[in-house]
Protein backbone atom coordinates (compact mmCIF):
# COMPACT_ATOMS: atom_id res chain seq x y z
CA MET A 1 -4.12 16.34 1.37
CA LYS A 2 -2.61 19.74 2.39
CA ILE A 3 -0.41 19.78 5.67
CA THR A 4 0.69 23.07 6.77
CA VAL A 5 3.09 23.36 9.87
CA GLN A 6 3.02 26.93 11.47
CA HIS A 7 5.71 28.01 13.94
CA LEU A 8 6.05 24.79 15.69
CA GLN A 9 7.75 24.60 18.98
CA LYS A 10 8.70 21.47 21.02
CA ALA A 11 10.83 20.63 23.90
CA LEU A 12 12.01 17.44 25.36
CA GLY A 13 13.44 16.85 28.85
CA GLY A 14 13.65 20.87 29.04
CA ARG A 15 15.71 21.02 25.90
CA PRO A 16 14.15 22.98 22.89
CA VAL A 17 14.01 20.37 19.83
CA LEU A 18 11.91 22.35 17.51
CA ARG A 19 12.42 26.09 17.11
CA ASP A 20 9.60 27.90 15.12
CA VAL A 21 9.29 25.54 12.18
CA THR A 22 7.06 26.54 9.65
CA LEU A 23 6.38 24.33 6.50
CA ASP A 24 4.10 23.91 3.74
CA ILE A 25 3.93 20.05 2.61
CA PRO A 26 3.48 19.68 -1.05
CA GLU A 27 0.43 17.66 -1.93
CA ASN A 28 1.16 14.18 -3.44
CA LYS A 29 4.86 14.60 -3.47
CA VAL A 30 7.71 13.34 -1.38
CA LEU A 31 9.04 15.70 1.03
CA GLY A 32 12.30 14.60 2.63
CA ILE A 33 13.42 15.84 6.09
CA ILE A 34 17.39 15.77 6.38
CA GLY A 35 19.63 16.85 8.95
CA PRO A 36 22.29 15.43 11.53
CA ASN A 37 21.54 13.18 14.25
CA GLY A 38 19.66 15.30 17.16
CA SER A 39 18.46 18.03 14.61
CA GLY A 40 14.72 17.38 15.30
CA LYS A 41 13.65 15.17 12.25
CA SER A 42 11.68 12.49 14.23
CA THR A 43 10.30 14.85 16.82
CA LEU A 44 8.78 17.05 13.71
CA LEU A 45 7.15 13.88 12.27
CA ARG A 46 5.77 12.86 15.65
CA CYS A 47 4.36 16.28 15.82
CA ILE A 48 2.64 16.14 12.65
CA GLY A 49 1.57 12.61 13.26
CA ARG A 50 -0.21 13.51 16.59
CA VAL A 51 2.44 11.34 18.58
CA LEU A 52 3.85 14.45 20.33
CA ARG A 53 1.85 17.50 21.24
CA PRO A 54 3.89 20.68 20.54
CA GLU A 55 4.25 23.55 22.94
CA GLY A 56 3.70 26.16 20.55
CA GLY A 57 2.45 26.63 16.92
CA ALA A 58 0.15 24.55 14.99
CA VAL A 59 -0.36 21.61 12.29
CA LEU A 60 -3.34 22.13 9.99
CA LEU A 61 -4.64 19.32 7.74
CA ASP A 62 -6.41 20.79 4.60
CA GLY A 63 -6.64 24.17 6.48
CA ARG A 64 -8.32 22.53 9.73
CA LEU A 65 -6.45 22.40 13.01
CA LEU A 66 -4.91 19.11 13.68
CA GLN A 67 -6.51 19.06 17.21
CA ASP A 68 -9.93 19.40 15.73
CA TYR A 69 -9.93 16.10 14.22
CA THR A 70 -10.72 13.01 16.38
CA PRO A 71 -7.88 10.43 16.65
CA ARG A 72 -9.88 8.26 14.24
CA GLN A 73 -10.32 10.81 11.69
CA SER A 74 -6.60 11.92 11.69
CA ALA A 75 -5.48 8.18 11.64
CA GLN A 76 -7.81 8.07 8.43
CA SER A 77 -5.70 10.82 6.99
CA MET A 78 -2.17 9.94 8.01
CA ALA A 79 -0.38 6.64 8.73
CA MET A 80 3.09 6.57 10.30
CA VAL A 81 6.08 4.27 9.93
CA ALA A 82 8.15 4.70 12.92
CA GLN A 83 11.69 3.72 13.08
CA HIS A 84 11.39 1.31 16.06
CA ASN A 85 8.30 -1.08 16.43
CA THR A 86 7.96 -3.43 19.30
CA TYR A 87 4.61 -5.08 20.39
CA ASN A 88 4.23 -6.83 24.02
CA PHE A 89 2.57 -9.81 22.28
CA ASP A 90 3.72 -12.44 19.70
CA PHE A 91 1.40 -11.08 16.93
CA THR A 92 1.45 -12.80 13.52
CA VAL A 93 2.24 -10.66 10.38
CA ARG A 94 -1.32 -10.58 9.32
CA GLU A 95 -2.37 -9.18 12.77
CA VAL A 96 0.00 -6.58 12.83
CA VAL A 97 -1.14 -5.30 9.06
CA LEU A 98 -4.73 -5.70 10.13
CA MET A 99 -3.90 -2.82 12.74
CA GLY A 100 -3.96 -0.75 9.81
CA ARG A 101 -7.53 -1.25 9.24
CA SER A 102 -8.68 -0.12 12.69
CA PRO A 103 -9.44 3.59 11.98
CA HIS A 104 -11.94 2.56 9.44
CA LYS A 105 -13.94 0.22 11.96
CA ARG A 106 -16.54 0.60 14.72
CA ALA A 107 -15.49 -0.77 18.10
CA LEU A 108 -15.78 -4.47 18.06
CA GLN A 109 -16.44 -4.80 14.33
CA ARG A 110 -15.05 -7.80 12.86
CA ASP A 111 -12.54 -8.10 9.97
CA THR A 112 -13.95 -8.33 6.50
CA PRO A 113 -13.00 -10.08 3.38
CA GLU A 114 -12.12 -6.57 2.15
CA ASP A 115 -9.60 -6.24 5.05
CA PHE A 116 -8.05 -9.56 4.48
CA ARG A 117 -7.79 -8.77 0.84
CA LEU A 118 -6.02 -5.29 1.55
CA VAL A 119 -3.67 -7.07 3.97
CA GLY A 120 -2.67 -9.63 1.10
CA GLU A 121 -2.05 -6.84 -1.46
CA SER A 122 0.04 -4.62 1.08
CA LEU A 123 2.21 -7.65 1.94
CA ALA A 124 2.71 -8.36 -1.66
CA ALA A 125 3.62 -4.66 -2.38
CA VAL A 126 6.48 -4.85 0.28
CA GLY A 127 7.69 -8.28 -0.93
CA LEU A 128 6.31 -10.15 1.79
CA ALA A 129 3.41 -12.24 0.16
CA GLY A 130 2.83 -15.56 2.21
CA PHE A 131 4.36 -13.90 5.44
CA GLU A 132 0.70 -13.64 7.08
CA ASP A 133 1.32 -16.52 9.60
CA ARG A 134 4.76 -15.92 10.42
CA SER A 135 5.69 -14.39 13.82
CA PHE A 136 6.32 -10.75 13.69
CA SER A 137 8.91 -10.85 16.56
CA ARG A 138 10.82 -13.38 14.75
CA LEU A 139 11.42 -11.76 11.76
CA SER A 140 14.46 -9.60 10.91
CA GLY A 141 14.70 -5.98 11.47
CA GLY A 142 14.34 -5.25 7.70
CA GLU A 143 11.32 -7.59 7.34
CA GLN A 144 9.60 -5.94 10.36
CA GLN A 145 10.03 -2.60 8.84
CA ARG A 146 8.52 -3.88 5.69
CA VAL A 147 5.66 -5.41 7.52
CA VAL A 148 4.96 -2.03 9.21
CA LEU A 149 5.02 -0.24 5.84
CA ALA A 150 2.38 -2.86 4.77
CA ARG A 151 0.33 -1.91 7.90
CA ALA A 152 0.43 1.96 6.74
CA LEU A 153 -0.44 0.91 3.02
CA ALA A 154 -3.55 -1.10 4.43
CA GLN A 155 -4.41 1.86 6.54
CA GLN A 156 -5.34 3.62 3.23
CA THR A 157 -4.60 6.89 3.93
CA PRO A 158 -3.73 9.92 1.49
CA CYS A 159 -0.57 10.83 3.67
CA LEU A 160 2.37 8.81 4.87
CA LEU A 161 4.72 9.86 7.69
CA LEU A 162 7.89 7.80 7.40
CA ASP A 163 10.65 7.91 9.96
CA GLU A 164 13.90 6.53 8.40
CA PRO A 165 11.97 4.13 6.22
CA THR A 166 15.16 2.59 4.77
CA ASN A 167 16.46 1.72 8.49
CA HIS A 168 17.36 -1.91 8.68
CA LEU A 169 17.15 -2.53 5.04
CA ASP A 170 19.88 -3.65 2.72
CA ILE A 171 20.26 -1.64 -0.53
CA ARG A 172 17.91 -3.72 -2.58
CA TYR A 173 15.05 -3.28 -0.39
CA GLN A 174 15.88 0.35 0.33
CA LEU A 175 15.64 1.09 -3.47
CA GLN A 176 12.28 -1.27 -3.69
CA LEU A 177 10.85 0.65 -0.64
CA MET A 178 11.44 3.99 -1.93
CA ASP A 179 10.31 2.88 -5.53
CA LEU A 180 7.18 1.89 -3.99
CA VAL A 181 6.55 4.84 -1.82
CA ARG A 182 7.22 7.37 -4.43
CA GLY A 183 5.10 5.26 -6.95
CA LEU A 184 1.95 5.71 -4.67
CA GLY A 185 1.10 9.28 -5.54
CA LYS A 186 0.28 10.04 -1.94
CA THR A 187 1.72 12.90 0.25
CA VAL A 188 4.75 11.71 1.70
CA VAL A 189 7.01 13.16 4.43
CA ALA A 190 10.17 11.17 5.18
CA ALA A 191 12.82 11.82 7.43
CA VAL A 192 15.74 10.46 5.40
CA HIS A 193 19.32 9.64 6.85
CA ASP A 194 20.84 8.59 3.62
CA LEU A 195 21.52 11.69 1.50
CA ASN A 196 21.95 10.10 -1.98
CA ILE A 197 18.42 8.34 -1.29
CA ALA A 198 16.93 11.56 -0.21
CA ALA A 199 18.24 13.17 -3.60
CA LEU A 200 17.17 10.07 -5.62
CA TYR A 201 13.36 9.97 -4.37
CA CYS A 202 12.48 13.37 -2.83
CA ASP A 203 10.84 16.11 -4.78
CA ARG A 204 11.70 18.67 -2.14
CA LEU A 205 14.09 18.70 0.88
CA VAL A 206 13.85 20.55 4.17
CA VAL A 207 17.18 20.70 6.21
CA LEU A 208 16.88 20.79 9.84
CA GLN A 209 19.74 21.97 12.10
CA GLU A 210 19.53 22.22 15.99
CA GLY A 211 15.41 22.19 15.51
CA ALA A 212 15.23 24.96 12.98
CA ILE A 213 14.93 24.93 9.18
CA VAL A 214 18.22 26.53 7.56
CA ALA A 215 17.49 25.49 3.97
CA GLU A 216 14.60 24.14 1.75
CA GLY A 217 14.39 23.29 -1.96
CA THR A 218 14.79 20.80 -4.66
CA PRO A 219 17.74 18.17 -3.95
CA ALA A 220 19.72 20.11 -6.45
CA GLU A 221 19.04 23.40 -4.74
CA VAL A 222 19.88 22.05 -1.15
CA LEU A 223 22.54 19.53 -1.60
CA THR A 224 25.64 21.77 -2.11
CA PRO A 225 29.18 21.34 -0.91
CA THR A 226 28.56 24.51 1.13
CA LEU A 227 25.51 23.36 2.86
CA LEU A 228 26.79 19.76 3.67
CA GLN A 229 30.00 21.33 5.45
CA LYS A 230 28.01 23.95 7.12
CA VAL A 231 25.27 21.31 8.61
CA TYR A 232 27.07 18.18 8.63
CA GLY A 233 30.73 19.16 9.00
CA VAL A 234 31.98 17.17 6.02
CA HIS A 235 33.87 17.89 2.95
CA ALA A 236 31.87 16.41 -0.32
CA ARG A 237 31.69 16.74 -4.05
CA VAL A 238 28.24 16.70 -5.56
CA LEU A 239 27.83 15.74 -8.92
CA PRO A 240 25.04 15.25 -11.31
CA ASP A 241 24.11 11.78 -12.60
CA GLU A 242 22.63 11.25 -16.19
CA ASN A 243 19.20 12.54 -15.15
CA GLY A 244 20.81 15.51 -13.31
CA VAL A 245 19.83 13.98 -9.96
CA PRO A 246 22.46 15.03 -7.48
CA TYR A 247 25.01 12.31 -6.21
CA ILE A 248 27.29 12.96 -3.30
CA LEU A 249 30.79 11.82 -2.83
CA PHE A 250 32.12 12.05 0.67
CA ARG A 251 35.82 13.07 1.19
CA PRO A 252 37.65 11.84 4.30
CA GLU A 253 39.29 14.39 6.51
CA CYS A 254 42.66 12.72 5.99
CA GLY A 255 42.73 13.06 2.22
CA THR A 256 42.58 10.32 -0.39
CA ILE A 257 42.50 6.95 1.11
CA THR A 258 44.77 4.18 -0.79
CA ARG A 259 44.46 0.82 -0.78
């Protein structure tokens, strides 16, 4: 799926959050959106995912304006995994993942054996096979995050929008989740907090600062000491690993810390 963002502008509470953001999202690749807190990463994802309506500009799916799609049609094209997921009722894990099948159903249509098969496969993919009857609200934050990813997988869309997908996860599940996402072969747009995770798993990166794009390119092109100092205000060394992937070593302001 080809997604294009054109001159997007969005304000929240009267404060500009996105400023003239223009972006071509590569098909079947992982695009990472990085930047400091408050730079507009989540707002950009929510505008692409139709959660928020921008004040200016446009989002196009395969050359067609997003607002020309029905909500059901756009939900068949894009699935979103948000940072925070709460429900007003005590749903089971199965019920939460089955929500991902809603865009493919008519009103009041019952769940099918195919739906339940996809629920089981999606939970197994995120390492939660056998959790179907557990209460979603009683899971840990990391388990809830994986259930919500399973819901997105069950939605069977060509594009995934991920807002801090490794939030609440320990390092093992961070790597497993990103391995899974990268192996799907889908168009993925992910707001990523951990820059080393972004470098390892993203094909391209877009850097936001105060709502505007200030850099774009491959991780090796973007993640430089100069940019990290300019955007994040930190000193860092950037070294290639054995595969040429940049690895960032942050340096404290006070110099070397000894133990």
